[in-house]
Amino acid sequence: MGEPDPGLMLGPLQTYATEPAARAACGDGHVVWAERYAGYFYKPGEARFGVAAPGAYACAKDAAGANYWDSDPMAGVMGYHGKSFRWPDPVGS
């Protein structure tokens, strides 16, 4: 593993060692897995959530504010960074 790429220009991010700790801190906000090396954040249900290294749990709004990139492939193609984070609408709403 290498060091985070300084060219990513990621801001500071409060992270948590466990998902329950992040959920407690995020309140009604969503929890994501922030991968510091690549600068992406992953949502629950994505293959790299909780496993991409080096990474940690964080609040979605904080990851977006620290300029992490949404793991949605179109977010990067369209030039969007973490600010493009969207949650799908719940089924049946």
Protein backbone atom coordinates (compact mmCIF):
# COMPACT_ATOMS: atom_id res chain seq x y z
CA MET A 1 0.00 0.00 0.00
CA GLY A 2 1.18 3.48 -0.79
CA GLU A 3 0.48 6.82 0.74
CA PRO A 4 -2.62 8.80 -0.30
CA ASP A 5 -2.05 10.72 -3.52
CA PRO A 6 -1.54 14.39 -2.55
CA GLY A 7 -2.98 15.35 -5.94
CA LEU A 8 -6.40 14.16 -4.79
CA MET A 9 -6.69 17.24 -2.57
CA LEU A 10 -8.86 15.48 -0.01
CA GLY A 11 -9.89 17.45 3.01
CA PRO A 12 -9.78 16.28 6.61
CA LEU A 13 -12.28 13.59 7.44
CA GLN A 14 -13.54 12.28 10.78
CA THR A 15 -13.45 8.49 10.53
CA TYR A 16 -14.55 5.63 12.77
CA ALA A 17 -13.04 2.19 13.37
CA THR A 18 -16.39 0.37 13.31
CA GLU A 19 -19.66 0.71 11.45
CA PRO A 20 -21.70 0.90 14.69
CA ALA A 21 -19.50 3.79 15.92
CA ALA A 22 -20.03 5.61 12.62
CA ARG A 23 -23.79 5.02 12.72
CA ALA A 24 -23.94 6.45 16.24
CA ALA A 25 -21.98 9.53 15.17
CA CYS A 26 -23.80 10.10 11.87
CA GLY A 27 -27.26 10.07 13.41
CA ASP A 28 -29.79 10.18 10.57
CA GLY A 29 -26.98 10.54 8.00
CA HIS A 30 -25.71 7.69 5.88
CA VAL A 31 -22.51 5.81 6.65
CA VAL A 32 -19.96 5.20 3.89
CA TRP A 33 -16.55 3.57 3.62
CA ALA A 34 -13.93 6.17 2.69
CA GLU A 35 -10.87 4.84 0.86
CA ARG A 36 -8.07 7.33 1.52
CA TYR A 37 -5.62 6.01 -1.07
CA ALA A 38 -7.95 6.43 -4.06
CA GLY A 39 -10.23 9.12 -2.66
CA TYR A 40 -13.47 7.20 -3.24
CA PHE A 41 -16.32 6.51 -0.86
CA TYR A 42 -18.50 3.43 -1.06
CA LYS A 43 -22.10 2.95 0.03
CA PRO A 44 -23.45 -0.07 1.96
CA GLY A 45 -24.07 -2.95 -0.43
CA GLU A 46 -21.15 -2.09 -2.72
CA ALA A 47 -18.40 -4.73 -2.92
CA ARG A 48 -15.68 -2.42 -1.55
CA PHE A 49 -17.74 -1.14 1.40
CA GLY A 50 -15.84 -1.96 4.58
CA VAL A 51 -12.92 -3.66 2.81
CA ALA A 52 -11.07 -1.25 0.48
CA ALA A 53 -7.74 -0.37 2.07
CA PRO A 54 -6.66 1.90 3.51
CA GLY A 55 -10.09 3.05 4.55
CA ALA A 56 -12.47 3.72 7.40
CA TYR A 57 -16.14 4.33 8.11
CA ALA A 58 -17.33 7.93 7.84
CA CYS A 59 -20.50 9.98 7.53
CA ALA A 60 -21.55 10.47 3.90
CA LYS A 61 -21.94 14.23 4.24
CA ASP A 62 -18.44 14.52 5.70
CA ALA A 63 -16.88 12.41 2.92
CA ALA A 64 -18.61 14.53 0.28
CA GLY A 65 -17.45 17.69 2.05
CA ALA A 66 -13.85 16.40 2.10
CA ASN A 67 -13.99 16.01 -1.70
CA TYR A 68 -14.02 12.21 -1.81
CA TRP A 69 -15.32 10.86 -5.11
CA ASP A 70 -18.61 9.01 -5.32
CA SER A 71 -18.00 5.38 -6.31
CA ASP A 72 -20.65 5.76 -9.03
CA PRO A 73 -18.57 5.41 -12.23
CA MET A 74 -20.48 8.21 -13.94
CA ALA A 75 -19.66 10.64 -11.14
CA GLY A 76 -15.99 10.74 -12.15
CA VAL A 77 -16.69 10.74 -15.88
CA MET A 78 -18.98 13.72 -15.49
CA GLY A 79 -16.36 15.57 -13.45
CA TYR A 80 -18.28 15.36 -10.20
CA HIS A 81 -16.57 14.65 -6.93
CA GLY A 82 -18.12 13.60 -3.62
CA LYS A 83 -20.76 16.29 -3.98
CA SER A 84 -22.59 14.05 -6.48
CA PHE A 85 -23.51 11.50 -3.79
CA ARG A 86 -27.12 10.32 -4.18
CA TRP A 87 -29.05 7.62 -2.33
CA PRO A 88 -31.57 5.62 -4.33
CA ASP A 89 -35.22 6.15 -3.54
CA PRO A 90 -36.59 3.48 -1.19
CA VAL A 91 -38.58 0.77 -2.95
CA GLY A 92 -42.27 1.59 -3.00
CA SER A 93 -41.94 5.31 -2.29
